[in-house]
Amino acid sequence: PTNDIELVRSKLKNLELQNGTSTGDSLILALSQFGENSKGGVVVVISDGRQTSGVTTIENASGALLGAGVKAYNIALGSPEGKIVVTEGEGQEINTKVILVPPDPQGMSTIATITGGETYTAFTMDDLSTIYKSVSGKLDITPGWVSISWIVALLALFFALLSAIFWRIYLIN
């Protein structure tokens, strides 16, 4: 929910990779960033695997998004043969392990179905770029007018009360 590209870049640089995928908890965290004005909001979920950790299920988190009026556009990233190689240790005690990380199109589809969003699968960076363009074309990011008539009415009431107080003081003196 920002146009500040440098802020996003700095946040991404400070991310720390952890084991597991907490999709449900991530959705709840994303929802918390909206504050009180979540209606019409959008979350873009990019995941390279199925949920393997966390407290909140994707169904419960998706229900929370739906209740807040937030749609989720989901991207299952990678191929069924996807894997990451993790190297641990130092010196002669280096251990390398391969962790399979197939994407979870079914989980992403569940989130989209519940929230009214859409789901995509990206196998390559070109796919991801095309999906970003497609999703951004569906977002309403144009500024609009916001009604402030209630503020004007409140100010009018305040000045009417203030006038009545001064009129009363004037009549007493």
Protein backbone atom coordinates (compact mmCIF):
# COMPACT_ATOMS: atom_id res chain seq x y z
CA PRO A 1 0.00 0.00 0.00
CA THR A 2 2.70 2.48 -0.98
CA ASN A 3 4.19 4.18 -4.02
CA ASP A 4 7.54 4.58 -2.23
CA ILE A 5 9.73 2.22 -4.27
CA GLU A 6 12.84 2.92 -2.18
CA LEU A 7 10.97 1.99 1.01
CA VAL A 8 9.92 -1.31 -0.56
CA ARG A 9 13.47 -2.00 -1.74
CA SER A 10 14.92 -1.32 1.69
CA LYS A 11 12.35 -3.59 3.35
CA LEU A 12 13.08 -6.38 0.86
CA LYS A 13 16.84 -6.08 1.47
CA ASN A 14 16.28 -6.58 5.20
CA LEU A 15 14.17 -9.73 4.89
CA GLU A 16 15.60 -12.83 6.48
CA LEU A 17 14.90 -16.22 4.99
CA GLN A 18 13.34 -18.68 7.40
CA ASN A 19 12.30 -22.29 7.11
CA GLY A 20 8.71 -23.02 6.25
CA THR A 21 5.87 -21.17 4.61
CA SER A 22 3.31 -19.45 6.84
CA THR A 23 0.79 -18.38 4.22
CA GLY A 24 -2.15 -17.93 6.60
CA ASP A 25 -0.13 -15.89 9.11
CA SER A 26 1.27 -13.80 6.24
CA LEU A 27 -2.24 -12.98 5.03
CA ILE A 28 -3.24 -11.86 8.53
CA LEU A 29 -0.09 -9.71 8.76
CA ALA A 30 -0.89 -8.16 5.36
CA LEU A 31 -4.45 -7.45 6.48
CA SER A 32 -3.16 -5.71 9.61
CA GLN A 33 -1.30 -3.20 7.42
CA PHE A 34 -4.57 -1.76 6.08
CA GLY A 35 -5.81 -0.34 9.36
CA GLU A 36 -9.47 0.60 9.37
CA ASN A 37 -9.74 1.34 5.64
CA SER A 38 -9.37 -2.13 4.20
CA LYS A 39 -12.54 -2.23 2.06
CA GLY A 40 -11.52 -2.47 -1.58
CA GLY A 41 -7.96 -3.37 -0.63
CA VAL A 42 -5.84 -5.88 -2.48
CA VAL A 43 -3.10 -8.24 -1.35
CA VAL A 44 -0.73 -9.84 -3.83
CA VAL A 45 0.56 -13.20 -2.56
CA ILE A 46 3.64 -14.74 -4.12
CA SER A 47 4.45 -18.18 -2.78
CA ASP A 48 6.92 -20.86 -3.79
CA GLY A 49 5.38 -23.59 -1.69
CA ARG A 50 2.47 -24.87 0.32
CA GLN A 51 1.84 -23.81 3.90
CA THR A 52 4.15 -25.78 6.20
CA SER A 53 4.16 -23.63 9.33
CA GLY A 54 2.27 -20.93 11.17
CA VAL A 55 -0.86 -20.78 13.27
CA THR A 56 -3.56 -19.51 10.90
CA THR A 57 -4.89 -21.71 8.11
CA ILE A 58 -5.26 -20.23 4.63
CA GLU A 59 -9.02 -20.80 4.87
CA ASN A 60 -9.34 -18.80 8.11
CA ALA A 61 -7.04 -16.05 6.88
CA SER A 62 -8.93 -15.85 3.58
CA GLY A 63 -12.18 -15.55 5.52
CA ALA A 64 -10.70 -12.63 7.47
CA LEU A 65 -9.72 -10.95 4.20
CA LEU A 66 -13.20 -11.50 2.80
CA GLY A 67 -14.77 -10.03 5.94
CA ALA A 68 -12.57 -6.94 5.60
CA GLY A 69 -13.38 -6.52 1.90
CA VAL A 70 -9.85 -7.37 0.71
CA LYS A 71 -9.20 -9.46 -2.41
CA ALA A 72 -6.11 -11.60 -2.83
CA TYR A 73 -4.33 -12.04 -6.14
CA ASN A 74 -2.12 -15.09 -5.76
CA ILE A 75 0.91 -16.27 -7.68
CA ALA A 76 2.20 -19.81 -7.28
CA LEU A 77 5.86 -19.36 -8.17
CA GLY A 78 8.05 -22.15 -9.52
CA SER A 79 7.72 -25.59 -11.00
CA PRO A 80 6.71 -28.93 -9.46
CA GLU A 81 10.42 -29.86 -9.54
CA GLY A 82 11.36 -26.66 -7.67
CA LYS A 83 14.10 -26.87 -5.06
CA ILE A 84 16.48 -24.70 -3.10
CA VAL A 85 19.98 -25.65 -2.02
CA VAL A 86 20.96 -24.67 1.52
CA THR A 87 24.57 -24.64 2.61
CA GLU A 88 25.26 -24.62 6.35
CA GLY A 89 28.41 -24.54 8.40
CA GLU A 90 31.94 -23.25 7.88
CA GLY A 91 35.32 -24.59 6.87
CA GLN A 92 35.41 -28.37 6.64
CA GLU A 93 32.03 -28.67 8.38
CA ILE A 94 29.99 -27.49 5.39
CA ASN A 95 26.76 -29.38 4.81
CA THR A 96 24.57 -28.95 1.78
CA LYS A 97 20.95 -30.03 1.65
CA VAL A 98 18.31 -29.82 -1.01
CA ILE A 99 14.80 -28.75 0.00
CA LEU A 100 11.93 -29.37 -2.40
CA VAL A 101 9.69 -26.34 -2.82
CA PRO A 102 6.98 -27.12 -5.34
CA PRO A 103 4.40 -24.35 -5.69
CA ASP A 104 0.91 -24.70 -4.27
CA PRO A 105 -1.55 -23.68 -7.02
CA GLN A 106 -4.39 -25.40 -5.16
CA GLY A 107 -3.77 -23.40 -1.97
CA MET A 108 -3.46 -20.18 -3.96
CA SER A 109 -6.70 -21.03 -5.75
CA THR A 110 -8.45 -21.57 -2.40
CA ILE A 111 -7.41 -18.10 -1.24
CA ALA A 112 -8.60 -16.53 -4.52
CA THR A 113 -11.92 -18.36 -4.44
CA ILE A 114 -12.69 -17.25 -0.88
CA THR A 115 -11.61 -13.60 -1.31
CA GLY A 116 -12.92 -13.06 -4.85
CA GLY A 117 -9.42 -12.57 -6.24
CA GLU A 118 -7.57 -14.56 -8.85
CA THR A 119 -4.72 -17.05 -8.96
CA TYR A 120 -1.84 -17.47 -11.37
CA THR A 121 1.12 -19.79 -11.83
CA ALA A 122 4.53 -18.41 -12.82
CA PHE A 123 7.25 -20.77 -13.99
CA THR A 124 9.66 -18.08 -15.20
CA MET A 125 10.53 -14.44 -14.54
CA ASP A 126 8.81 -13.54 -17.82
CA ASP A 127 5.64 -15.24 -16.54
CA LEU A 128 5.90 -13.25 -13.31
CA SER A 129 6.33 -9.97 -15.20
CA THR A 130 3.28 -10.70 -17.36
CA ILE A 131 1.21 -11.57 -14.28
CA TYR A 132 2.26 -8.35 -12.52
CA LYS A 133 1.09 -6.34 -15.51
CA SER A 134 -2.20 -8.23 -15.59
CA VAL A 135 -2.84 -7.76 -11.87
CA SER A 136 -1.87 -4.07 -11.89
CA GLY A 137 -4.33 -3.48 -14.71
CA LYS A 138 -7.14 -4.75 -12.47
CA LEU A 139 -6.39 -2.43 -9.55
CA ASP A 140 -8.17 0.88 -9.14
CA ILE A 141 -5.31 3.12 -8.07
CA THR A 142 -6.69 6.40 -9.38
CA PRO A 143 -7.27 9.05 -6.75
CA GLY A 144 -10.86 10.00 -6.14
CA TRP A 145 -12.97 12.42 -4.18
CA VAL A 146 -13.69 11.71 -0.55
CA SER A 147 -16.79 13.19 1.05
CA ILE A 148 -16.01 15.58 3.88
CA SER A 149 -19.57 16.86 4.30
CA TRP A 150 -19.68 15.51 7.85
CA ILE A 151 -16.69 17.75 8.74
CA VAL A 152 -18.44 20.79 7.29
CA ALA A 153 -21.61 19.93 9.24
CA LEU A 154 -19.60 19.49 12.44
CA LEU A 155 -17.87 22.84 11.92
CA ALA A 156 -21.22 24.53 11.28
CA LEU A 157 -22.60 23.06 14.52
CA PHE A 158 -19.48 24.21 16.41
CA PHE A 159 -19.79 27.77 15.12
CA ALA A 160 -23.53 27.82 15.82
CA LEU A 161 -22.87 26.80 19.42
CA LEU A 162 -20.05 29.32 19.71
CA SER A 163 -22.36 32.05 18.37
CA ALA A 164 -25.07 31.07 20.85
CA ILE A 165 -22.59 31.29 23.72
CA PHE A 166 -21.35 34.72 22.64
CA TRP A 167 -24.94 35.94 22.08
CA ARG A 168 -25.88 34.77 25.57
CA ILE A 169 -22.84 36.54 27.05
CA TYR A 170 -23.75 39.70 25.08
CA LEU A 171 -27.34 39.64 26.39
CA ILE A 172 -26.20 39.16 30.00
CA ASN A 173 -23.81 42.11 29.86
